[in-house]
Amino acid sequence: MNKHTLNQVSGGRPTHTGFLGVTAAVIVAMIIGVSAGTNAWAAPVRTVAVTKFVSGPPGPEAVPLQKGTVLAPASTAATGQMVDGVQCNATEQVAFHVHTHLAVYVNGQLRPLPAGIGIVAPAAQSTPEGPFDAATRCYYWLHVHAQDGVIHIESPAGHTYTLGQFFDLWGQPLSANQVGPATGKLTTYVGGRLYRGNPRNIQLGSHLDIQIDVGTPVVSPRTVNWAKTQL
C-alpha cells in the first residue's frame, strides 16, 4: 500500500551627527511602514518555540488522529465543480505533491477536520489504523483522506495554494474572526510563529503546520513529527 493510495549616504562635506540620526530614523520608519502594509509578519511579532508534538493515536498516514467533534461536516464541500481555480480529477494528480497540517482549537478544545473534504463521493477504506477515504468520482487538488488534519496538495504542476482556497472548497467561512462556524478572536500560528495577517492568505506548503485558536484559552503551538510519517 503506497503513500499515494493511503496516502549609505555620505558626501565630501562634514555631516552633522544629529541630522544623520534624524535621517536614519526617518528611513527606518519608512521601511517599517512599507513592511507593515505588505507583510503579515510585520511588528509586533514574536516567535514561539514549538516544543510539543501533536499527540494521539497514529492514523493511516502515521499522523496522530484528531479526536473530538469535527469543526464542520465534509458534506458542505464542493461536489465536482471548479472552485477558485482548483479542479477535481478522476485520479490524484501527483506531479506536485506536498502536505500541510491544520489544527483548529475553539476555546481550548480541538475541533478536527473531517476526512473527505475535497474527495467527491468518498468511500472509506478500512486500515488497521482507521478509515482512509478514497474517491469514487474525483479528487480536488486539495483534499483530506483521514481525520488527522493533513491537507494533501496534489496538482498537475507546482502552484501556490492558500488556506482560503481550501475553506472555499470546503464551503466554510474563513476570515479574521471566523473559522467555519466558530467565531471570536483568532490566534494563528504558522510553523510555530505567530501570524497576524488574514488566515485566508496563508500559503500551504510542504510539512507546514498551521494552528488556529479561536477564543480562549490559547493552546501553545504544536507540530507534527513529520519524520515519523509516510508523507
C-alpha atoms as a PDB file:
ATOM      1  CA  MET A   1       0.000   0.000   0.000  1.00  0.00           C
ATOM      2  CA  ASN A   2       1.855   3.086  -1.144  1.00  0.00           C
ATOM      3  CA  LYS A   3       1.524   6.524   0.341  1.00  0.00           C
ATOM      4  CA  HIS A   4      -0.313   7.905  -2.679  1.00  0.00           C
ATOM      5  CA  THR A   5      -3.029   5.370  -2.190  1.00  0.00           C
ATOM      6  CA  LEU A   6      -3.089   5.866   1.558  1.00  0.00           C
ATOM      7  CA  ASN A   7      -1.690   8.239   1.460  1.00  0.00           C
ATOM      8  CA  GLN A   8      24.895  54.797   2.769  1.00  0.00           C
ATOM      9  CA  VAL A   9      24.724  58.094   2.190  1.00  0.00           C
ATOM     10  CA  SER A  10      27.934  60.076   2.670  1.00  0.00           C
ATOM     11  CA  GLY A  11      29.376  63.115   0.917  1.00  0.00           C
ATOM     12  CA  GLY A  12      32.611  65.024   0.790  1.00  0.00           C
ATOM     13  CA  ARG A  13      31.394  67.542   3.383  1.00  0.00           C
ATOM     14  CA  PRO A  14      31.248  67.007   7.152  1.00  0.00           C
ATOM     15  CA  THR A  15      27.818  65.751   8.246  1.00  0.00           C
ATOM     16  CA  HIS A  16      26.007  66.839  11.375  1.00  0.00           C
ATOM     17  CA  THR A  17      25.515  63.870  13.688  1.00  0.00           C
ATOM     18  CA  GLY A  18      22.069  64.945  14.787  1.00  0.00           C
ATOM     19  CA  PHE A  19      20.917  65.286  11.211  1.00  0.00           C
ATOM     20  CA  LEU A  20      22.178  61.816  10.460  1.00  0.00           C
ATOM     21  CA  GLY A  21      20.281  60.414  13.417  1.00  0.00           C
ATOM     22  CA  VAL A  22      17.028  62.005  12.314  1.00  0.00           C
ATOM     23  CA  THR A  23      17.562  60.875   8.713  1.00  0.00           C
ATOM     24  CA  ALA A  24      18.254  57.305   9.776  1.00  0.00           C
ATOM     25  CA  ALA A  25      15.154  57.288  11.937  1.00  0.00           C
ATOM     26  CA  VAL A  26      13.038  58.516   9.049  1.00  0.00           C
ATOM     27  CA  ILE A  27      14.460  55.857   6.712  1.00  0.00           C
ATOM     28  CA  VAL A  28      13.795  53.106   9.279  1.00  0.00           C
ATOM     29  CA  ALA A  29      10.273  54.400   9.823  1.00  0.00           C
ATOM     30  CA  MET A  30       9.653  54.363   6.085  1.00  0.00           C
ATOM     31  CA  ILE A  31      10.881  50.782   5.808  1.00  0.00           C
ATOM     32  CA  ILE A  32       8.706  49.661   8.704  1.00  0.00           C
ATOM     33  CA  GLY A  33       5.751  51.473   7.213  1.00  0.00           C
ATOM     34  CA  VAL A  34       6.144  49.707   3.896  1.00  0.00           C
ATOM     35  CA  SER A  35       6.607  46.357   5.570  1.00  0.00           C
ATOM     36  CA  ALA A  36       3.553  46.814   7.750  1.00  0.00           C
ATOM     37  CA  GLY A  37       1.452  47.332   4.675  1.00  0.00           C
ATOM     38  CA  THR A  38       2.649  44.259   2.822  1.00  0.00           C
ATOM     39  CA  ASN A  39       3.925  41.735   5.325  1.00  0.00           C
ATOM     40  CA  ALA A  40       1.726  39.685   7.620  1.00  0.00           C
ATOM     41  CA  TRP A  41       4.750  39.133   9.845  1.00  0.00           C
ATOM     42  CA  ALA A  42       5.216  42.902  10.492  1.00  0.00           C
ATOM     43  CA  ALA A  43       5.864  44.116  14.049  1.00  0.00           C
ATOM     44  CA  PRO A  44       4.738  43.400  16.639  1.00  0.00           C
ATOM     45  CA  VAL A  45       5.784  39.798  16.069  1.00  0.00           C
ATOM     46  CA  ARG A  46       7.099  37.212  18.430  1.00  0.00           C
ATOM     47  CA  THR A  47       8.478  33.803  17.625  1.00  0.00           C
ATOM     48  CA  VAL A  48       7.163  30.928  19.664  1.00  0.00           C
ATOM     49  CA  ALA A  49       9.297  27.864  20.159  1.00  0.00           C
ATOM     50  CA  VAL A  50       7.389  24.753  19.184  1.00  0.00           C
ATOM     51  CA  THR A  51       8.195  22.321  21.953  1.00  0.00           C
ATOM     52  CA  LYS A  52       5.322  19.908  21.662  1.00  0.00           C
ATOM     53  CA  PHE A  53       4.423  17.367  19.053  1.00  0.00           C
ATOM     54  CA  VAL A  54       0.833  16.670  18.108  1.00  0.00           C
ATOM     55  CA  SER A  55      -0.271  13.692  20.187  1.00  0.00           C
ATOM     56  CA  GLY A  56      -2.846  10.981  19.728  1.00  0.00           C
ATOM     57  CA  PRO A  57      -3.155   7.530  18.190  1.00  0.00           C
ATOM     58  CA  PRO A  58      -1.451   7.335  14.787  1.00  0.00           C
ATOM     59  CA  GLY A  59      -3.797   7.156  11.831  1.00  0.00           C
ATOM     60  CA  PRO A  60      -3.343   5.503   8.434  1.00  0.00           C
ATOM     61  CA  GLU A  61      -0.803   8.174   7.393  1.00  0.00           C
ATOM     62  CA  ALA A  62       1.140   7.747  10.663  1.00  0.00           C
ATOM     63  CA  VAL A  63      -0.080  11.210  11.719  1.00  0.00           C
ATOM     64  CA  PRO A  64      -1.964  11.378  15.043  1.00  0.00           C
ATOM     65  CA  LEU A  65      -5.718  11.308  14.553  1.00  0.00           C
ATOM     66  CA  GLN A  66      -7.695  14.350  15.673  1.00  0.00           C
ATOM     67  CA  LYS A  67     -10.272  13.375  18.285  1.00  0.00           C
ATOM     68  CA  GLY A  68     -13.404  15.311  19.162  1.00  0.00           C
ATOM     69  CA  THR A  69     -16.379  16.943  17.462  1.00  0.00           C
ATOM     70  CA  VAL A  70     -15.493  17.935  13.907  1.00  0.00           C
ATOM     71  CA  LEU A  71     -15.354  21.661  13.199  1.00  0.00           C
ATOM     72  CA  ALA A  72     -17.835  21.289  10.331  1.00  0.00           C
ATOM     73  CA  PRO A  73     -19.006  18.343   8.220  1.00  0.00           C
ATOM     74  CA  ALA A  74     -17.326  17.338   4.990  1.00  0.00           C
ATOM     75  CA  SER A  75     -20.762  17.254   3.357  1.00  0.00           C
ATOM     76  CA  THR A  76     -20.641  21.025   2.791  1.00  0.00           C
ATOM     77  CA  ALA A  77     -17.678  20.643   0.419  1.00  0.00           C
ATOM     78  CA  ALA A  78     -17.813  21.137  -3.351  1.00  0.00           C
ATOM     79  CA  THR A  79     -19.071  18.216  -5.385  1.00  0.00           C
ATOM     80  CA  GLY A  80     -17.018  18.406  -8.575  1.00  0.00           C
ATOM     81  CA  GLN A  81     -17.294  21.960  -9.898  1.00  0.00           C
ATOM     82  CA  MET A  82     -14.143  24.094 -10.137  1.00  0.00           C
ATOM     83  CA  VAL A  83     -13.576  26.211  -7.031  1.00  0.00           C
ATOM     84  CA  ASP A  84     -11.128  29.145  -7.018  1.00  0.00           C
ATOM     85  CA  GLY A  85      -9.276  27.561  -9.931  1.00  0.00           C
ATOM     86  CA  VAL A  86      -8.977  24.214  -8.145  1.00  0.00           C
ATOM     87  CA  GLN A  87     -10.184  21.314 -10.259  1.00  0.00           C
ATOM     88  CA  CYS A  88     -11.482  17.856  -9.459  1.00  0.00           C
ATOM     89  CA  ASN A  89      -9.933  14.992 -11.455  1.00  0.00           C
ATOM     90  CA  ALA A  90     -10.764  11.318 -11.694  1.00  0.00           C
ATOM     91  CA  THR A  91      -7.311  10.395 -10.370  1.00  0.00           C
ATOM     92  CA  GLU A  92      -4.890  12.060  -7.968  1.00  0.00           C
ATOM     93  CA  GLN A  93      -2.541  14.483  -9.718  1.00  0.00           C
ATOM     94  CA  VAL A  94       0.786  13.786  -8.003  1.00  0.00           C
ATOM     95  CA  ALA A  95       3.243  15.669 -10.209  1.00  0.00           C
ATOM     96  CA  PHE A  96       3.221  18.197  -7.364  1.00  0.00           C
ATOM     97  CA  HIS A  97       2.523  16.524  -4.022  1.00  0.00           C
ATOM     98  CA  VAL A  98       3.093  18.121  -0.589  1.00  0.00           C
ATOM     99  CA  HIS A  99       1.280  18.110   2.745  1.00  0.00           C
ATOM    100  CA  THR A 100       0.155  20.755   5.248  1.00  0.00           C
ATOM    101  CA  HIS A 101      -1.235  20.063   8.718  1.00  0.00           C
ATOM    102  CA  LEU A 102      -4.106  22.141  10.093  1.00  0.00           C
ATOM    103  CA  ALA A 103      -5.334  22.124  13.682  1.00  0.00           C
ATOM    104  CA  VAL A 104      -8.196  24.296  14.927  1.00  0.00           C
ATOM    105  CA  TYR A 105      -8.929  24.842  18.602  1.00  0.00           C
ATOM    106  CA  VAL A 106     -12.125  26.508  19.810  1.00  0.00           C
ATOM    107  CA  ASN A 107     -11.916  27.788  23.379  1.00  0.00           C
ATOM    108  CA  GLY A 108      -9.069  25.378  24.008  1.00  0.00           C
ATOM    109  CA  GLN A 109     -10.791  22.309  22.550  1.00  0.00           C
ATOM    110  CA  LEU A 110      -9.510  20.593  19.407  1.00  0.00           C
ATOM    111  CA  ARG A 111     -12.098  20.598  16.610  1.00  0.00           C
ATOM    112  CA  PRO A 112     -10.975  18.088  13.989  1.00  0.00           C
ATOM    113  CA  LEU A 113     -11.002  18.405  10.226  1.00  0.00           C
ATOM    114  CA  PRO A 114     -13.218  15.647   8.877  1.00  0.00           C
ATOM    115  CA  ALA A 115     -11.987  13.175   6.326  1.00  0.00           C
ATOM    116  CA  GLY A 116     -13.427  13.501   2.846  1.00  0.00           C
ATOM    117  CA  ILE A 117     -13.033  17.229   2.177  1.00  0.00           C
ATOM    118  CA  GLY A 118     -12.094  17.551  -1.498  1.00  0.00           C
ATOM    119  CA  ILE A 119     -12.893  13.902  -2.184  1.00  0.00           C
ATOM    120  CA  VAL A 120     -16.095  13.554  -4.159  1.00  0.00           C
ATOM    121  CA  ALA A 121     -18.263  10.597  -3.267  1.00  0.00           C
ATOM    122  CA  PRO A 122     -15.714   9.279  -0.751  1.00  0.00           C
ATOM    123  CA  ALA A 123     -15.544   5.620   0.147  1.00  0.00           C
ATOM    124  CA  ALA A 124     -13.806   4.754   3.397  1.00  0.00           C
ATOM    125  CA  GLN A 125     -11.152   2.076   3.099  1.00  0.00           C
ATOM    126  CA  SER A 126     -10.546   0.090   6.252  1.00  0.00           C
ATOM    127  CA  THR A 127      -6.996   0.029   7.642  1.00  0.00           C
ATOM    128  CA  PRO A 128      -5.653  -1.213  10.996  1.00  0.00           C
ATOM    129  CA  GLU A 129      -5.085   2.438  11.965  1.00  0.00           C
ATOM    130  CA  GLY A 130      -8.554   3.637  10.976  1.00  0.00           C
ATOM    131  CA  PRO A 131     -10.545   4.617   7.881  1.00  0.00           C
ATOM    132  CA  PHE A 132      -8.908   6.232   4.867  1.00  0.00           C
ATOM    133  CA  ASP A 133     -11.142   7.945   2.310  1.00  0.00           C
ATOM    134  CA  ALA A 134     -10.740   7.381  -1.425  1.00  0.00           C
ATOM    135  CA  ALA A 135     -12.797   8.978  -4.180  1.00  0.00           C
ATOM    136  CA  THR A 136     -15.333   7.151  -6.302  1.00  0.00           C
ATOM    137  CA  ARG A 137     -15.783  10.199  -8.584  1.00  0.00           C
ATOM    138  CA  CYS A 138     -12.898  12.689  -8.341  1.00  0.00           C
ATOM    139  CA  TYR A 139     -10.187  14.283  -6.209  1.00  0.00           C
ATOM    140  CA  TYR A 140      -9.727  18.016  -5.839  1.00  0.00           C
ATOM    141  CA  TRP A 141      -6.134  19.214  -5.844  1.00  0.00           C
ATOM    142  CA  LEU A 142      -6.656  19.977  -2.148  1.00  0.00           C
ATOM    143  CA  HIS A 143      -8.161  17.143  -0.143  1.00  0.00           C
ATOM    144  CA  VAL A 144      -8.203  15.271   3.172  1.00  0.00           C
ATOM    145  CA  HIS A 145      -8.014  11.469   3.350  1.00  0.00           C
ATOM    146  CA  ALA A 146      -8.228  10.868   7.107  1.00  0.00           C
ATOM    147  CA  GLN A 147      -9.259  12.658  10.281  1.00  0.00           C
ATOM    148  CA  ASP A 148      -5.667  13.643  11.014  1.00  0.00           C
ATOM    149  CA  GLY A 149      -5.661  17.286   9.885  1.00  0.00           C
ATOM    150  CA  VAL A 150      -3.455  16.615   6.863  1.00  0.00           C
ATOM    151  CA  ILE A 151      -4.323  18.563   3.721  1.00  0.00           C
ATOM    152  CA  HIS A 152      -2.924  16.885   0.609  1.00  0.00           C
ATOM    153  CA  ILE A 153      -1.857  19.343  -2.075  1.00  0.00           C
ATOM    154  CA  GLU A 154      -1.721  17.296  -5.264  1.00  0.00           C
ATOM    155  CA  SER A 155      -1.832  19.030  -8.648  1.00  0.00           C
ATOM    156  CA  PRO A 156      -0.543  18.548 -12.215  1.00  0.00           C
ATOM    157  CA  ALA A 157       2.121  21.237 -11.720  1.00  0.00           C
ATOM    158  CA  GLY A 158       3.717  23.244  -8.937  1.00  0.00           C
ATOM    159  CA  HIS A 159       1.448  26.053  -7.779  1.00  0.00           C
ATOM    160  CA  THR A 160       0.763  28.139  -4.691  1.00  0.00           C
ATOM    161  CA  TYR A 161      -2.487  27.379  -2.913  1.00  0.00           C
ATOM    162  CA  THR A 162      -3.897  29.135   0.125  1.00  0.00           C
ATOM    163  CA  LEU A 163      -5.877  28.196   3.198  1.00  0.00           C
ATOM    164  CA  GLY A 164      -8.669  30.415   1.872  1.00  0.00           C
ATOM    165  CA  GLN A 165      -8.972  28.249  -1.237  1.00  0.00           C
ATOM    166  CA  PHE A 166      -9.200  25.140   0.921  1.00  0.00           C
ATOM    167  CA  PHE A 167     -12.007  26.625   3.034  1.00  0.00           C
ATOM    168  CA  ASP A 168     -13.849  27.798  -0.089  1.00  0.00           C
ATOM    169  CA  LEU A 169     -13.646  24.250  -1.426  1.00  0.00           C
ATOM    170  CA  TRP A 170     -14.927  23.023   1.940  1.00  0.00           C
ATOM    171  CA  GLY A 171     -17.805  25.503   1.713  1.00  0.00           C
ATOM    172  CA  GLN A 172     -16.921  27.006   5.096  1.00  0.00           C
ATOM    173  CA  PRO A 173     -16.144  30.642   6.009  1.00  0.00           C
ATOM    174  CA  LEU A 174     -12.650  31.761   6.959  1.00  0.00           C
ATOM    175  CA  SER A 175     -11.858  35.337   7.965  1.00  0.00           C
ATOM    176  CA  ALA A 176     -10.010  37.413  10.557  1.00  0.00           C
ATOM    177  CA  ASN A 177     -12.599  36.463  13.176  1.00  0.00           C
ATOM    178  CA  GLN A 178     -14.231  33.263  11.962  1.00  0.00           C
ATOM    179  CA  VAL A 179     -13.174  29.697  11.203  1.00  0.00           C
ATOM    180  CA  GLY A 180     -16.028  27.576   9.930  1.00  0.00           C
ATOM    181  CA  PRO A 181     -18.930  28.072  12.344  1.00  0.00           C
ATOM    182  CA  ALA A 182     -16.646  29.244  15.178  1.00  0.00           C
ATOM    183  CA  THR A 183     -16.327  32.994  15.741  1.00  0.00           C
ATOM    184  CA  GLY A 184     -14.149  35.090  18.030  1.00  0.00           C
ATOM    185  CA  LYS A 185     -10.620  36.403  18.394  1.00  0.00           C
ATOM    186  CA  LEU A 186      -8.158  34.335  16.382  1.00  0.00           C
ATOM    187  CA  THR A 187      -4.616  33.454  17.399  1.00  0.00           C
ATOM    188  CA  THR A 188      -2.864  31.923  14.413  1.00  0.00           C
ATOM    189  CA  TYR A 189       0.461  30.136  14.229  1.00  0.00           C
ATOM    190  CA  VAL A 190       2.266  29.131  11.051  1.00  0.00           C
ATOM    191  CA  GLY A 191       5.247  26.872  11.619  1.00  0.00           C
ATOM    192  CA  GLY A 192       5.127  27.827  15.308  1.00  0.00           C
ATOM    193  CA  ARG A 193       5.375  31.534  14.518  1.00  0.00           C
ATOM    194  CA  LEU A 194       2.622  33.971  15.410  1.00  0.00           C
ATOM    195  CA  TYR A 195       0.879  35.122  12.229  1.00  0.00           C
ATOM    196  CA  ARG A 196      -1.005  38.428  12.246  1.00  0.00           C
ATOM    197  CA  GLY A 197      -2.376  38.512   8.708  1.00  0.00           C
ATOM    198  CA  ASN A 198      -5.641  37.296   7.247  1.00  0.00           C
ATOM    199  CA  PRO A 199      -5.678  33.497   7.637  1.00  0.00           C
ATOM    200  CA  ARG A 200      -7.127  33.200   4.132  1.00  0.00           C
ATOM    201  CA  ASN A 201      -3.758  34.312   2.732  1.00  0.00           C
ATOM    202  CA  ILE A 202      -1.676  31.603   4.430  1.00  0.00           C
ATOM    203  CA  GLN A 203       0.129  29.610   1.757  1.00  0.00           C
ATOM    204  CA  LEU A 204       0.003  25.846   2.037  1.00  0.00           C
ATOM    205  CA  GLY A 205       3.432  24.243   1.933  1.00  0.00           C
ATOM    206  CA  SER A 206       5.389  21.068   2.443  1.00  0.00           C
ATOM    207  CA  HIS A 207       5.357  19.815   6.050  1.00  0.00           C
ATOM    208  CA  LEU A 208       3.889  23.126   7.210  1.00  0.00           C
ATOM    209  CA  ASP A 209       1.989  23.237  10.498  1.00  0.00           C
ATOM    210  CA  ILE A 210      -0.892  25.713  10.753  1.00  0.00           C
ATOM    211  CA  GLN A 211      -2.755  26.148  14.029  1.00  0.00           C
ATOM    212  CA  ILE A 212      -5.690  28.471  14.619  1.00  0.00           C
ATOM    213  CA  ASP A 213      -7.042  29.115  18.100  1.00  0.00           C
ATOM    214  CA  VAL A 214     -10.489  30.678  18.324  1.00  0.00           C
ATOM    215  CA  GLY A 215     -11.234  32.348  21.656  1.00  0.00           C
ATOM    216  CA  THR A 216      -9.507  31.368  24.908  1.00  0.00           C
ATOM    217  CA  PRO A 217      -7.602  29.647  26.317  1.00  0.00           C
ATOM    218  CA  VAL A 218      -4.963  29.695  23.605  1.00  0.00           C
ATOM    219  CA  VAL A 219      -3.185  26.380  23.101  1.00  0.00           C
ATOM    220  CA  SER A 220       0.563  26.661  22.570  1.00  0.00           C
ATOM    221  CA  PRO A 221       1.578  25.726  19.011  1.00  0.00           C
ATOM    222  CA  ARG A 222       2.224  22.100  18.234  1.00  0.00           C
ATOM    223  CA  THR A 223       3.802  20.382  15.267  1.00  0.00           C
ATOM    224  CA  VAL A 224       3.582  17.047  13.555  1.00  0.00           C
ATOM    225  CA  ASN A 225       6.650  14.845  13.823  1.00  0.00           C
ATOM    226  CA  TRP A 226       6.859  14.576  10.040  1.00  0.00           C
ATOM    227  CA  ALA A 227       9.909  12.306  10.201  1.00  0.00           C
ATOM    228  CA  LYS A 228       7.680   9.547  11.569  1.00  0.00           C
ATOM    229  CA  THR A 229       5.002   9.851   8.913  1.00  0.00           C
ATOM    230  CA  GLN A 230       4.547   8.309   5.496  1.00  0.00           C
ATOM    231  CA  LEU A 231       4.233  11.734   3.900  1.00  0.00           C
END
